Amino acid sequence: MSTRRMPAAKRKRQILLSAIRVFARSTYHGATTKSIAEEAGVTEALLYRYFGSKRDIFTEAIQHTAGHLTEGLEEILAEHADSPLEAISACIEYYVNILESHPDMARMIFLVLAELDEEDVREIYLPFQKQAVAVMAECIRRWQKTGYVVEELNADDSAWLFFGSYMILAQVKQSRGEVRLDPQRVVGLIRPFLTEKGMKDLDDLGQSI
């Protein structure tokens, strides 16, 4: 067990990240506070100084992972607000990078879905999902107004599909052991929904499939 003193916020984060690894490896019901404490290198008594229960750790782990995903998407969409092709490409690259660099994130999404009938999980997770979808839908409407995306496309439905692509990639990660997806190929899939202006930008960026 670790006896080295650590600032409270840093220690809590250490325990939380260790808990995410344990949940991802063992599932929520298979994980124990003992296994989480061992992963973090602390005593269970110290763990309970920061978290009241295993459920508290789990819901905070959901908040951490969902918040990380949503905040990253928002930053990318804000940075590329006027360039839909670059925005979508960057978002897919972000998805892939998360799943390759943080494999526990792929497993956590399935744990969340398995527990989504539980009220405490819904209260934590659904606001992040709603926020991410709303931001994406707003971007699609902006791209329609600026003449990149066809007006017939339903922005809300498309935003849901785009957000759900993370779950598809997570499934690929889990079933194949690695993400085998070129983000540029995903960009190519949106060709039917682009205007002539959007198509020209797609070809100019060398992203034609």
N, C-alpha and C. Protein backbone atom coordinates (compact mmCIF):
# COMPACT_ATOMS: atom_id res chain seq x y z
N MET A 1 0.82 -1.19 0.00
CA MET A 1 0.00 0.00 0.00
C MET A 1 0.87 1.26 0.00
N SER A 2 0.37 2.28 -0.67
CA SER A 2 1.12 3.52 -0.77
C SER A 2 1.00 4.32 0.52
N THR A 3 2.13 4.76 1.04
CA THR A 3 2.14 5.60 2.24
C THR A 3 2.56 7.02 1.91
N ARG A 4 2.89 7.27 0.66
CA ARG A 4 3.35 8.60 0.26
C ARG A 4 2.20 9.59 0.32
N ARG A 5 2.43 10.73 0.98
CA ARG A 5 1.39 11.75 1.09
C ARG A 5 1.14 12.37 -0.28
N MET A 6 -0.11 12.67 -0.54
CA MET A 6 -0.50 13.20 -1.83
C MET A 6 -1.63 14.20 -1.60
N PRO A 7 -1.67 15.32 -2.33
CA PRO A 7 -2.79 16.25 -2.19
C PRO A 7 -4.12 15.53 -2.38
N ALA A 8 -5.11 15.95 -1.62
CA ALA A 8 -6.40 15.24 -1.61
C ALA A 8 -7.00 15.10 -3.00
N ALA A 9 -6.98 16.17 -3.79
CA ALA A 9 -7.58 16.12 -5.13
C ALA A 9 -6.84 15.13 -6.02
N LYS A 10 -5.53 15.11 -5.91
CA LYS A 10 -4.73 14.20 -6.71
C LYS A 10 -4.96 12.75 -6.29
N ARG A 11 -5.06 12.52 -4.99
CA ARG A 11 -5.31 11.16 -4.49
C ARG A 11 -6.69 10.67 -4.93
N LYS A 12 -7.68 11.54 -4.86
CA LYS A 12 -9.03 11.14 -5.27
C LYS A 12 -9.05 10.78 -6.75
N ARG A 13 -8.35 11.57 -7.56
CA ARG A 13 -8.29 11.27 -8.99
C ARG A 13 -7.58 9.93 -9.24
N GLN A 14 -6.52 9.69 -8.48
CA GLN A 14 -5.79 8.43 -8.61
C GLN A 14 -6.71 7.24 -8.33
N ILE A 15 -7.49 7.34 -7.26
CA ILE A 15 -8.42 6.27 -6.90
C ILE A 15 -9.49 6.12 -7.98
N LEU A 16 -9.98 7.25 -8.51
CA LEU A 16 -11.03 7.21 -9.53
C LEU A 16 -10.54 6.53 -10.80
N LEU A 17 -9.35 6.89 -11.25
CA LEU A 17 -8.81 6.27 -12.46
C LEU A 17 -8.54 4.78 -12.25
N SER A 18 -8.11 4.43 -11.05
CA SER A 18 -7.92 3.02 -10.73
C SER A 18 -9.25 2.29 -10.75
N ALA A 19 -10.28 2.94 -10.24
CA ALA A 19 -11.62 2.34 -10.23
C ALA A 19 -12.13 2.11 -11.65
N ILE A 20 -11.86 3.05 -12.55
CA ILE A 20 -12.28 2.89 -13.94
C ILE A 20 -11.62 1.66 -14.55
N ARG A 21 -10.35 1.46 -14.25
CA ARG A 21 -9.65 0.28 -14.76
C ARG A 21 -10.27 -1.01 -14.22
N VAL A 22 -10.62 -0.99 -12.94
CA VAL A 22 -11.20 -2.19 -12.33
C VAL A 22 -12.61 -2.44 -12.87
N PHE A 23 -13.42 -1.40 -12.99
CA PHE A 23 -14.76 -1.57 -13.54
C PHE A 23 -14.69 -2.11 -14.97
N ALA A 24 -13.78 -1.54 -15.76
CA ALA A 24 -13.64 -1.95 -17.15
C ALA A 24 -13.21 -3.41 -17.25
N ARG A 25 -12.40 -3.84 -16.31
CA ARG A 25 -11.88 -5.20 -16.33
C ARG A 25 -12.86 -6.21 -15.71
N SER A 26 -13.60 -5.78 -14.69
CA SER A 26 -14.39 -6.73 -13.91
C SER A 26 -15.90 -6.52 -14.01
N THR A 27 -16.36 -5.46 -14.66
CA THR A 27 -17.76 -5.00 -14.68
C THR A 27 -18.10 -4.38 -13.33
N TYR A 28 -19.23 -3.67 -13.29
CA TYR A 28 -19.61 -3.02 -12.04
C TYR A 28 -19.84 -4.03 -10.92
N HIS A 29 -20.61 -5.06 -11.22
CA HIS A 29 -20.96 -6.02 -10.18
C HIS A 29 -19.77 -6.90 -9.79
N GLY A 30 -18.84 -7.09 -10.69
CA GLY A 30 -17.67 -7.91 -10.37
C GLY A 30 -16.61 -7.16 -9.59
N ALA A 31 -16.63 -5.84 -9.66
CA ALA A 31 -15.63 -5.03 -8.95
C ALA A 31 -15.97 -4.95 -7.46
N THR A 32 -14.97 -4.81 -6.65
CA THR A 32 -15.15 -4.61 -5.21
C THR A 32 -14.33 -3.42 -4.77
N THR A 33 -14.69 -2.83 -3.64
CA THR A 33 -13.89 -1.72 -3.13
C THR A 33 -12.49 -2.20 -2.76
N LYS A 34 -12.38 -3.46 -2.36
CA LYS A 34 -11.06 -4.01 -2.05
C LYS A 34 -10.18 -4.05 -3.29
N SER A 35 -10.75 -4.52 -4.42
CA SER A 35 -9.96 -4.60 -5.65
C SER A 35 -9.61 -3.20 -6.16
N ILE A 36 -10.51 -2.25 -5.96
CA ILE A 36 -10.23 -0.88 -6.38
C ILE A 36 -9.11 -0.29 -5.52
N ALA A 37 -9.19 -0.52 -4.22
CA ALA A 37 -8.15 -0.02 -3.31
C ALA A 37 -6.79 -0.63 -3.66
N GLU A 38 -6.78 -1.92 -3.95
CA GLU A 38 -5.53 -2.58 -4.31
C GLU A 38 -4.96 -2.01 -5.61
N GLU A 39 -5.83 -1.75 -6.58
CA GLU A 39 -5.39 -1.17 -7.85
C GLU A 39 -4.78 0.21 -7.63
N ALA A 40 -5.38 0.95 -6.72
CA ALA A 40 -4.90 2.32 -6.44
C ALA A 40 -3.71 2.33 -5.49
N GLY A 41 -3.44 1.19 -4.84
CA GLY A 41 -2.33 1.13 -3.90
C GLY A 41 -2.63 1.83 -2.59
N VAL A 42 -3.91 1.80 -2.18
CA VAL A 42 -4.31 2.43 -0.92
C VAL A 42 -5.12 1.42 -0.10
N THR A 43 -5.43 1.79 1.12
CA THR A 43 -6.27 0.94 1.96
C THR A 43 -7.74 1.24 1.66
N GLU A 44 -8.61 0.28 1.98
CA GLU A 44 -10.05 0.54 1.82
C GLU A 44 -10.49 1.68 2.71
N ALA A 45 -9.89 1.80 3.88
CA ALA A 45 -10.25 2.89 4.79
C ALA A 45 -9.98 4.25 4.14
N LEU A 46 -8.85 4.36 3.46
CA LEU A 46 -8.54 5.61 2.77
C LEU A 46 -9.49 5.84 1.62
N LEU A 47 -9.83 4.78 0.90
CA LEU A 47 -10.78 4.89 -0.21
C LEU A 47 -12.10 5.49 0.27
N TYR A 48 -12.57 5.02 1.43
CA TYR A 48 -13.85 5.49 1.96
C TYR A 48 -13.78 6.92 2.50
N ARG A 49 -12.59 7.46 2.63
CA ARG A 49 -12.48 8.88 2.99
C ARG A 49 -12.88 9.76 1.82
N TYR A 50 -12.75 9.23 0.61
CA TYR A 50 -13.05 10.02 -0.59
C TYR A 50 -14.39 9.64 -1.24
N PHE A 51 -14.82 8.40 -1.05
CA PHE A 51 -16.06 7.93 -1.67
C PHE A 51 -16.88 7.16 -0.63
N GLY A 52 -18.17 7.44 -0.60
CA GLY A 52 -19.02 6.81 0.39
C GLY A 52 -19.31 5.35 0.14
N SER A 53 -19.28 4.95 -1.15
CA SER A 53 -19.62 3.57 -1.49
C SER A 53 -19.09 3.24 -2.88
N LYS A 54 -19.18 1.97 -3.24
CA LYS A 54 -18.78 1.58 -4.58
C LYS A 54 -19.66 2.26 -5.62
N ARG A 55 -20.94 2.44 -5.30
CA ARG A 55 -21.85 3.10 -6.23
C ARG A 55 -21.44 4.54 -6.46
N ASP A 56 -21.00 5.20 -5.41
CA ASP A 56 -20.53 6.59 -5.56
C ASP A 56 -19.32 6.65 -6.49
N ILE A 57 -18.43 5.68 -6.35
CA ILE A 57 -17.25 5.65 -7.23
C ILE A 57 -17.69 5.42 -8.67
N PHE A 58 -18.64 4.52 -8.87
CA PHE A 58 -19.09 4.19 -10.22
C PHE A 58 -19.74 5.39 -10.90
N THR A 59 -20.63 6.08 -10.20
CA THR A 59 -21.31 7.22 -10.82
C THR A 59 -20.32 8.35 -11.11
N GLU A 60 -19.33 8.51 -10.25
CA GLU A 60 -18.31 9.54 -10.53
C GLU A 60 -17.42 9.11 -11.70
N ALA A 61 -17.20 7.81 -11.84
CA ALA A 61 -16.44 7.31 -12.98
C ALA A 61 -17.20 7.58 -14.28
N ILE A 62 -18.51 7.44 -14.25
CA ILE A 62 -19.34 7.74 -15.42
C ILE A 62 -19.23 9.23 -15.75
N GLN A 63 -19.33 10.06 -14.73
CA GLN A 63 -19.23 11.50 -14.94
C GLN A 63 -17.88 11.88 -15.54
N HIS A 64 -16.83 11.24 -15.07
CA HIS A 64 -15.48 11.53 -15.58
C HIS A 64 -15.35 11.14 -17.04
N THR A 65 -15.75 9.92 -17.39
CA THR A 65 -15.57 9.44 -18.76
C THR A 65 -16.50 10.16 -19.73
N ALA A 66 -17.77 10.34 -19.35
CA ALA A 66 -18.72 11.03 -20.22
C ALA A 66 -18.33 12.49 -20.40
N GLY A 67 -17.88 13.11 -19.33
CA GLY A 67 -17.46 14.50 -19.42
C GLY A 67 -16.24 14.67 -20.30
N HIS A 68 -15.30 13.74 -20.20
CA HIS A 68 -14.10 13.79 -21.03
C HIS A 68 -14.46 13.71 -22.51
N LEU A 69 -15.36 12.79 -22.84
CA LEU A 69 -15.77 12.61 -24.22
C LEU A 69 -16.50 13.84 -24.75
N THR A 70 -17.45 14.34 -23.98
CA THR A 70 -18.28 15.47 -24.42
C THR A 70 -17.46 16.75 -24.55
N GLU A 71 -16.62 17.02 -23.58
CA GLU A 71 -15.82 18.24 -23.63
C GLU A 71 -14.88 18.24 -24.82
N GLY A 72 -14.31 17.07 -25.13
CA GLY A 72 -13.43 16.98 -26.30
C GLY A 72 -14.16 17.27 -27.59
N LEU A 73 -15.36 16.72 -27.72
CA LEU A 73 -16.16 16.96 -28.92
C LEU A 73 -16.52 18.44 -29.05
N GLU A 74 -16.91 19.05 -27.96
CA GLU A 74 -17.28 20.47 -27.99
C GLU A 74 -16.11 21.34 -28.42
N GLU A 75 -14.94 21.04 -27.91
CA GLU A 75 -13.75 21.83 -28.28
C GLU A 75 -13.44 21.70 -29.76
N ILE A 76 -13.55 20.49 -30.30
CA ILE A 76 -13.27 20.27 -31.72
C ILE A 76 -14.30 20.98 -32.59
N LEU A 77 -15.56 20.84 -32.25
CA LEU A 77 -16.62 21.47 -33.05
C LEU A 77 -16.53 22.99 -32.99
N ALA A 78 -16.12 23.53 -31.86
CA ALA A 78 -15.96 24.98 -31.76
C ALA A 78 -14.77 25.45 -32.60
N GLU A 79 -13.71 24.67 -32.59
CA GLU A 79 -12.50 25.04 -33.34
C GLU A 79 -12.76 25.00 -34.85
N HIS A 80 -13.57 24.05 -35.31
CA HIS A 80 -13.83 23.89 -36.74
C HIS A 80 -15.28 24.21 -37.09
N ALA A 81 -15.83 25.20 -36.40
CA ALA A 81 -17.24 25.53 -36.58
C ALA A 81 -17.61 25.88 -38.02
N ASP A 82 -16.68 26.45 -38.76
CA ASP A 82 -16.97 26.88 -40.13
C ASP A 82 -16.44 25.91 -41.18
N SER A 83 -15.96 24.77 -40.76
CA SER A 83 -15.43 23.78 -41.71
C SER A 83 -15.96 22.40 -41.34
N PRO A 84 -17.12 22.02 -41.86
CA PRO A 84 -17.74 20.74 -41.47
C PRO A 84 -16.87 19.52 -41.75
N LEU A 85 -16.14 19.53 -42.84
CA LEU A 85 -15.33 18.37 -43.18
C LEU A 85 -14.19 18.19 -42.19
N GLU A 86 -13.54 19.29 -41.86
CA GLU A 86 -12.45 19.22 -40.88
C GLU A 86 -13.00 18.87 -39.50
N ALA A 87 -14.19 19.38 -39.17
CA ALA A 87 -14.79 19.09 -37.87
C ALA A 87 -15.10 17.61 -37.72
N ILE A 88 -15.76 17.03 -38.72
CA ILE A 88 -16.13 15.62 -38.64
C ILE A 88 -14.90 14.74 -38.64
N SER A 89 -13.93 15.06 -39.48
CA SER A 89 -12.69 14.29 -39.52
C SER A 89 -11.98 14.33 -38.17
N ALA A 90 -11.90 15.52 -37.58
CA ALA A 90 -11.22 15.67 -36.29
C ALA A 90 -11.97 14.93 -35.18
N CYS A 91 -13.31 14.95 -35.23
CA CYS A 91 -14.09 14.25 -34.21
C CYS A 91 -13.87 12.74 -34.28
N ILE A 92 -13.86 12.19 -35.49
CA ILE A 92 -13.63 10.75 -35.64
C ILE A 92 -12.22 10.39 -35.19
N GLU A 93 -11.24 11.22 -35.55
CA GLU A 93 -9.87 10.98 -35.09
C GLU A 93 -9.80 11.02 -33.57
N TYR A 94 -10.57 11.92 -32.97
CA TYR A 94 -10.63 12.02 -31.51
C TYR A 94 -11.21 10.75 -30.91
N TYR A 95 -12.31 10.27 -31.49
CA TYR A 95 -12.90 9.00 -31.04
C TYR A 95 -11.88 7.88 -31.07
N VAL A 96 -11.23 7.73 -32.22
CA VAL A 96 -10.27 6.65 -32.41
C VAL A 96 -9.11 6.77 -31.42
N ASN A 97 -8.62 7.99 -31.24
CA ASN A 97 -7.50 8.21 -30.32
C ASN A 97 -7.87 7.83 -28.89
N ILE A 98 -9.09 8.18 -28.46
CA ILE A 98 -9.52 7.83 -27.11
C ILE A 98 -9.52 6.32 -26.94
N LEU A 99 -10.09 5.62 -27.91
CA LEU A 99 -10.22 4.17 -27.79
C LEU A 99 -8.88 3.46 -27.87
N GLU A 100 -7.94 4.03 -28.62
CA GLU A 100 -6.62 3.42 -28.72
C GLU A 100 -5.75 3.76 -27.51
N SER A 101 -5.85 4.99 -27.02
CA SER A 101 -4.99 5.43 -25.92
C SER A 101 -5.58 5.09 -24.55
N HIS A 102 -6.91 4.99 -24.48
CA HIS A 102 -7.59 4.72 -23.21
C HIS A 102 -8.59 3.58 -23.42
N PRO A 103 -8.10 2.35 -23.53
CA PRO A 103 -8.99 1.21 -23.82
C PRO A 103 -10.09 1.02 -22.80
N ASP A 104 -9.90 1.49 -21.58
CA ASP A 104 -10.95 1.34 -20.57
C ASP A 104 -12.19 2.14 -20.94
N MET A 105 -12.02 3.20 -21.74
CA MET A 105 -13.16 4.00 -22.15
C MET A 105 -14.12 3.20 -23.01
N ALA A 106 -13.58 2.32 -23.84
CA ALA A 106 -14.43 1.49 -24.69
C ALA A 106 -15.31 0.58 -23.84
N ARG A 107 -14.74 0.02 -22.78
CA ARG A 107 -15.50 -0.88 -21.93
C ARG A 107 -16.50 -0.12 -21.06
N MET A 108 -16.12 1.07 -20.62
CA MET A 108 -16.99 1.86 -19.75
C MET A 108 -18.30 2.21 -20.43
N ILE A 109 -18.26 2.46 -21.74
CA ILE A 109 -19.50 2.84 -22.42
C ILE A 109 -20.51 1.72 -22.35
N PHE A 110 -20.06 0.48 -22.41
CA PHE A 110 -20.98 -0.65 -22.33
C PHE A 110 -21.48 -0.86 -20.91
N LEU A 111 -20.65 -0.55 -19.93
CA LEU A 111 -21.10 -0.63 -18.54
C LEU A 111 -22.19 0.40 -18.28
N VAL A 112 -22.02 1.59 -18.84
CA VAL A 112 -23.02 2.63 -18.69
C VAL A 112 -24.34 2.19 -19.30
N LEU A 113 -24.29 1.66 -20.51
CA LEU A 113 -25.51 1.21 -21.17
C LEU A 113 -26.20 0.10 -20.38
N ALA A 114 -25.42 -0.77 -19.77
CA ALA A 114 -25.99 -1.86 -18.99
C ALA A 114 -26.70 -1.36 -17.73
N GLU A 115 -26.27 -0.20 -17.23
CA GLU A 115 -26.84 0.34 -16.00
C GLU A 115 -27.78 1.51 -16.26
N LEU A 116 -28.10 1.78 -17.52
CA LEU A 116 -28.83 3.00 -17.85
C LEU A 116 -30.28 3.00 -17.36
N ASP A 117 -30.81 1.85 -16.98
CA ASP A 117 -32.14 1.81 -16.40
C ASP A 117 -32.15 2.32 -14.96
N GLU A 118 -30.98 2.40 -14.35
CA GLU A 118 -30.88 2.87 -12.98
C GLU A 118 -30.92 4.40 -12.94
N GLU A 119 -31.73 4.93 -12.05
CA GLU A 119 -31.98 6.37 -12.01
C GLU A 119 -30.71 7.18 -11.77
N ASP A 120 -29.84 6.71 -10.88
CA ASP A 120 -28.64 7.49 -10.57
C ASP A 120 -27.72 7.57 -11.78
N VAL A 121 -27.64 6.48 -12.55
CA VAL A 121 -26.81 6.49 -13.76
C VAL A 121 -27.42 7.41 -14.81
N ARG A 122 -28.73 7.37 -14.96
CA ARG A 122 -29.40 8.24 -15.92
C ARG A 122 -29.17 9.71 -15.59
N GLU A 123 -29.26 10.04 -14.32
CA GLU A 123 -29.08 11.44 -13.91
C GLU A 123 -27.68 11.95 -14.22
N ILE A 124 -26.70 11.05 -14.13
CA ILE A 124 -25.32 11.45 -14.39
C ILE A 124 -25.03 11.49 -15.88
N TYR A 125 -25.41 10.43 -16.60
CA TYR A 125 -24.97 10.26 -17.99
C TYR A 125 -25.80 11.03 -19.01
N LEU A 126 -27.12 11.00 -18.89
CA LEU A 126 -27.97 11.55 -19.94
C LEU A 126 -27.75 13.04 -20.22
N PRO A 127 -27.48 13.88 -19.21
CA PRO A 127 -27.20 15.29 -19.54
C PRO A 127 -25.98 15.46 -20.45
N PHE A 128 -24.94 14.64 -20.27
CA PHE A 128 -23.79 14.71 -21.15
C PHE A 128 -24.18 14.30 -22.57
N GLN A 129 -24.96 13.24 -22.68
CA GLN A 129 -25.40 12.79 -23.99
C GLN A 129 -26.25 13.85 -24.68
N LYS A 130 -27.18 14.43 -23.94
CA LYS A 130 -28.06 15.47 -24.50
C LYS A 130 -27.25 16.67 -24.95
N GLN A 131 -26.26 17.05 -24.16
CA GLN A 131 -25.42 18.20 -24.49
C GLN A 131 -24.62 17.96 -25.76
N ALA A 132 -24.02 16.78 -25.87
CA ALA A 132 -23.20 16.46 -27.05
C ALA A 132 -24.05 16.45 -28.31
N VAL A 133 -25.23 15.84 -28.24
CA VAL A 133 -26.11 15.77 -29.41
C VAL A 133 -26.60 17.16 -29.80
N ALA A 134 -26.92 17.99 -28.82
CA ALA A 134 -27.40 19.34 -29.11
C ALA A 134 -26.33 20.18 -29.80
N VAL A 135 -25.09 20.06 -29.34
CA VAL A 135 -23.98 20.82 -29.95
C VAL A 135 -23.78 20.38 -31.40
N MET A 136 -23.82 19.08 -31.63
CA MET A 136 -23.64 18.56 -32.98
C MET A 136 -24.79 19.00 -33.89
N ALA A 137 -26.02 18.94 -33.40
CA ALA A 137 -27.17 19.35 -34.20
C ALA A 137 -27.08 20.83 -34.58
N GLU A 138 -26.61 21.64 -33.64
CA GLU A 138 -26.45 23.07 -33.91
C GLU A 138 -25.42 23.29 -35.02
N CYS A 139 -24.34 22.52 -34.99
CA CYS A 139 -23.31 22.64 -36.03
C CYS A 139 -23.87 22.25 -37.39
N ILE A 140 -24.65 21.18 -37.45
CA ILE A 140 -25.22 20.73 -38.72
C ILE A 140 -26.13 21.81 -39.29
N ARG A 141 -26.93 22.43 -38.44
CA ARG A 141 -27.82 23.51 -38.92
C ARG A 141 -27.00 24.69 -39.44
N ARG A 142 -25.90 24.99 -38.77
CA ARG A 142 -25.04 26.08 -39.24
C ARG A 142 -24.47 25.75 -40.61
N TRP A 143 -24.05 24.49 -40.79
CA TRP A 143 -23.48 24.07 -42.06
C TRP A 143 -24.53 24.06 -43.17
N GLN A 144 -25.76 23.81 -42.80
CA GLN A 144 -26.84 23.91 -43.79
C GLN A 144 -27.04 25.36 -44.22
N LYS A 145 -27.00 26.28 -43.28
CA LYS A 145 -27.20 27.69 -43.58
C LYS A 145 -26.05 28.26 -44.41
N THR A 146 -24.84 27.74 -44.20
CA THR A 146 -23.69 28.25 -44.95
C THR A 146 -23.50 27.50 -46.27
N GLY A 147 -24.39 26.58 -46.57
CA GLY A 147 -24.39 25.95 -47.89
C GLY A 147 -23.49 24.75 -48.06
N TYR A 148 -23.06 24.12 -46.96
CA TYR A 148 -22.20 22.94 -47.08
C TYR A 148 -23.00 21.63 -47.05
N VAL A 149 -24.11 21.64 -46.33
CA VAL A 149 -24.91 20.43 -46.13
C VAL A 149 -26.31 20.67 -46.67
N VAL A 150 -26.88 19.63 -47.31
CA VAL A 150 -28.21 19.77 -47.91
C VAL A 150 -29.25 20.08 -46.85
N GLU A 151 -30.23 20.91 -47.21
CA GLU A 151 -31.25 21.34 -46.26
C GLU A 151 -32.18 20.20 -45.86
N GLU A 152 -32.30 19.17 -46.69
CA GLU A 152 -33.22 18.08 -46.41
C GLU A 152 -32.77 17.20 -45.24
N LEU A 153 -31.51 17.29 -44.89
CA LEU A 153 -30.98 16.45 -43.82
C LEU A 153 -31.56 16.88 -42.48
N ASN A 154 -32.07 15.92 -41.71
CA ASN A 154 -32.60 16.21 -40.38
C ASN A 154 -31.43 16.33 -39.41
N ALA A 155 -31.21 17.52 -38.89
CA ALA A 155 -30.04 17.79 -38.05
C ALA A 155 -30.06 17.00 -36.75
N ASP A 156 -31.23 16.89 -36.13
CA ASP A 156 -31.31 16.17 -34.86
C ASP A 156 -31.02 14.68 -35.02
N ASP A 157 -31.65 14.07 -36.03
CA ASP A 157 -31.41 12.64 -36.26
C ASP A 157 -29.95 12.37 -36.62
N SER A 158 -29.38 13.24 -37.45
CA SER A 158 -27.99 13.06 -37.88
C SER A 158 -27.03 13.22 -36.71
N ALA A 159 -27.35 14.14 -35.80
CA ALA A 159 -26.51 14.33 -34.62
C ALA A 159 -26.51 13.09 -33.74
N TRP A 160 -27.67 12.44 -33.61
CA TRP A 160 -27.75 11.20 -32.84
C TRP A 160 -26.89 10.11 -33.47
N LEU A 161 -26.97 9.99 -34.79
CA LEU A 161 -26.18 8.98 -35.48
C LEU A 161 -24.69 9.25 -35.32
N PHE A 162 -24.32 10.52 -35.41
CA PHE A 162 -22.90 10.86 -35.27
C PHE A 162 -22.40 10.55 -33.87
N PHE A 163 -23.19 10.93 -32.86
CA PHE A 163 -22.79 10.65 -31.48
C PHE A 163 -22.70 9.14 -31.25
N GLY A 164 -23.63 8.39 -31.85
CA GLY A 164 -23.63 6.95 -31.69
C GLY A 164 -22.47 6.25 -32.36
N SER A 165 -21.79 6.95 -33.28
CA SER A 165 -20.66 6.32 -33.95
C SER A 165 -19.55 5.99 -32.96
N TYR A 166 -19.49 6.72 -31.84
CA TYR A 166 -18.50 6.38 -30.81
C TYR A 166 -18.77 4.98 -30.26
N MET A 167 -20.05 4.65 -30.05
CA MET A 167 -20.40 3.33 -29.52
C MET A 167 -20.08 2.24 -30.53
N ILE A 168 -20.26 2.55 -31.81
CA ILE A 168 -19.91 1.58 -32.85
C ILE A 168 -18.41 1.32 -32.84
N LEU A 169 -17.64 2.39 -32.75
CA LEU A 169 -16.18 2.25 -32.70
C LEU A 169 -15.74 1.50 -31.44
N ALA A 170 -16.44 1.74 -30.34
CA ALA A 170 -16.11 1.03 -29.10
C ALA A 170 -16.37 -0.46 -29.27
N GLN A 171 -17.43 -0.80 -29.98
CA GLN A 171 -17.72 -2.21 -30.22
C GLN A 171 -16.65 -2.83 -31.11
N VAL A 172 -16.20 -2.08 -32.12
CA VAL A 172 -15.12 -2.56 -32.98
C VAL A 172 -13.87 -2.80 -32.14
N LYS A 173 -13.60 -1.87 -31.24
CA LYS A 173 -12.43 -1.99 -30.38
C LYS A 173 -12.51 -3.25 -29.52
N GLN A 174 -13.69 -3.52 -29.00
CA GLN A 174 -13.85 -4.67 -28.13
C GLN A 174 -13.83 -5.99 -28.89
N SER A 175 -14.40 -6.02 -30.07
CA SER A 175 -14.53 -7.28 -30.80
C SER A 175 -13.28 -7.65 -31.58
N ARG A 176 -12.52 -6.67 -32.02
CA ARG A 176 -11.35 -6.94 -32.84
C ARG A 176 -10.03 -6.70 -32.11
N GLY A 177 -10.11 -6.03 -31.01
CA GLY A 177 -8.88 -5.77 -30.26
C GLY A 177 -8.18 -4.50 -30.69
N GLU A 178 -8.61 -3.91 -31.77
CA GLU A 178 -8.02 -2.64 -32.21
C GLU A 178 -9.00 -1.94 -33.13
N VAL A 179 -8.84 -0.63 -33.26
CA VAL A 179 -9.70 0.15 -34.14
C VAL A 179 -9.09 0.19 -35.52
N ARG A 180 -9.74 -0.39 -36.48
CA ARG A 180 -9.24 -0.39 -37.85
C ARG A 180 -10.16 0.48 -38.69
N LEU A 181 -9.99 1.76 -38.52
CA LEU A 181 -10.87 2.68 -39.22
C LEU A 181 -10.11 3.94 -39.57
N ASP A 182 -10.08 4.28 -40.85
CA ASP A 182 -9.46 5.50 -41.31
C ASP A 182 -10.49 6.62 -41.20
N PRO A 183 -10.25 7.63 -40.37
CA PRO A 183 -11.21 8.72 -40.23
C PRO A 183 -11.61 9.35 -41.55
N GLN A 184 -10.70 9.39 -42.51
CA GLN A 184 -11.02 10.00 -43.79
C GLN A 184 -12.09 9.20 -44.55
N ARG A 185 -12.14 7.91 -44.33
CA ARG A 185 -13.16 7.10 -44.97
C ARG A 185 -14.54 7.40 -44.40
N VAL A 186 -14.58 7.70 -43.12
CA VAL A 186 -15.84 8.08 -42.50
C VAL A 186 -16.32 9.40 -43.10
N VAL A 187 -15.40 10.33 -43.29
CA VAL A 187 -15.76 11.60 -43.92
C VAL A 187 -16.35 11.34 -45.30
N GLY A 188 -15.77 10.38 -46.01
CA GLY A 188 -16.28 10.07 -47.34
C GLY A 188 -17.72 9.58 -47.33
N LEU A 189 -18.17 9.00 -46.22
CA LEU A 189 -19.54 8.49 -46.13
C LEU A 189 -20.59 9.60 -46.13
N ILE A 190 -20.17 10.83 -45.86
CA ILE A 190 -21.15 11.91 -45.81
C ILE A 190 -21.36 12.57 -47.17
N ARG A 191 -20.70 12.07 -48.20
CA ARG A 191 -20.81 12.67 -49.53
C ARG A 191 -22.26 12.90 -49.99
N PRO A 192 -23.18 11.93 -49.78
CA PRO A 192 -24.55 12.14 -50.26
C PRO A 192 -25.27 13.31 -49.60
N PHE A 193 -24.75 13.79 -48.46
CA PHE A 193 -25.42 14.86 -47.72
C PHE A 193 -24.78 16.22 -47.93
N LEU A 194 -23.78 16.29 -48.81
CA LEU A 194 -23.09 17.54 -49.08
C LEU A 194 -23.67 18.24 -50.30
N THR A 195 -23.65 19.55 -50.27
CA THR A 195 -24.01 20.34 -51.44
C THR A 195 -22.81 20.35 -52.41
N GLU A 196 -22.96 21.00 -53.54
CA GLU A 196 -21.84 21.12 -54.48
C GLU A 196 -20.67 21.83 -53.82
N LYS A 197 -20.99 22.83 -53.01
CA LYS A 197 -19.95 23.55 -52.29
C LYS A 197 -19.21 22.61 -51.34
N GLY A 198 -19.95 21.77 -50.62
CA GLY A 198 -19.33 20.83 -49.71
C GLY A 198 -18.51 19.79 -50.44
N MET A 199 -19.02 19.34 -51.59
CA MET A 199 -18.30 18.34 -52.37
C MET A 199 -16.97 18.89 -52.87
N LYS A 200 -16.99 20.16 -53.28
CA LYS A 200 -15.76 20.78 -53.76
C LYS A 200 -14.72 20.84 -52.66
N ASP A 201 -15.14 21.22 -51.46
CA ASP A 201 -14.21 21.26 -50.34
C ASP A 201 -13.68 19.87 -50.00
N LEU A 202 -14.54 18.87 -50.12
CA LEU A 202 -14.12 17.50 -49.85
C LEU A 202 -13.01 17.09 -50.80
N ASP A 203 -13.20 17.38 -52.07
CA ASP A 203 -12.19 17.02 -53.07
C ASP A 203 -10.93 17.86 -52.90
N ASP A 204 -11.09 19.15 -52.57
CA ASP A 204 -9.94 20.01 -52.39
C ASP A 204 -9.07 19.55 -51.21
N LEU A 205 -9.70 18.95 -50.22
CA LEU A 205 -8.96 18.48 -49.05
C LEU A 205 -8.34 17.10 -49.28
N GLY A 206 -8.57 16.57 -50.46
CA GLY A 206 -8.00 15.27 -50.79
C GLY A 206 -8.64 14.13 -50.03
N GLN A 207 -9.93 14.30 -49.67
CA GLN A 207 -10.61 13.30 -48.88
C GLN A 207 -11.62 12.50 -49.71
N SER A 208 -11.50 12.59 -51.04
CA SER A 208 -12.41 11.85 -51.90
C SER A 208 -12.11 10.36 -51.80
N ILE A 209 -13.13 9.57 -51.70
CA ILE A 209 -12.99 8.11 -51.59
C ILE A 209 -13.23 7.45 -52.94
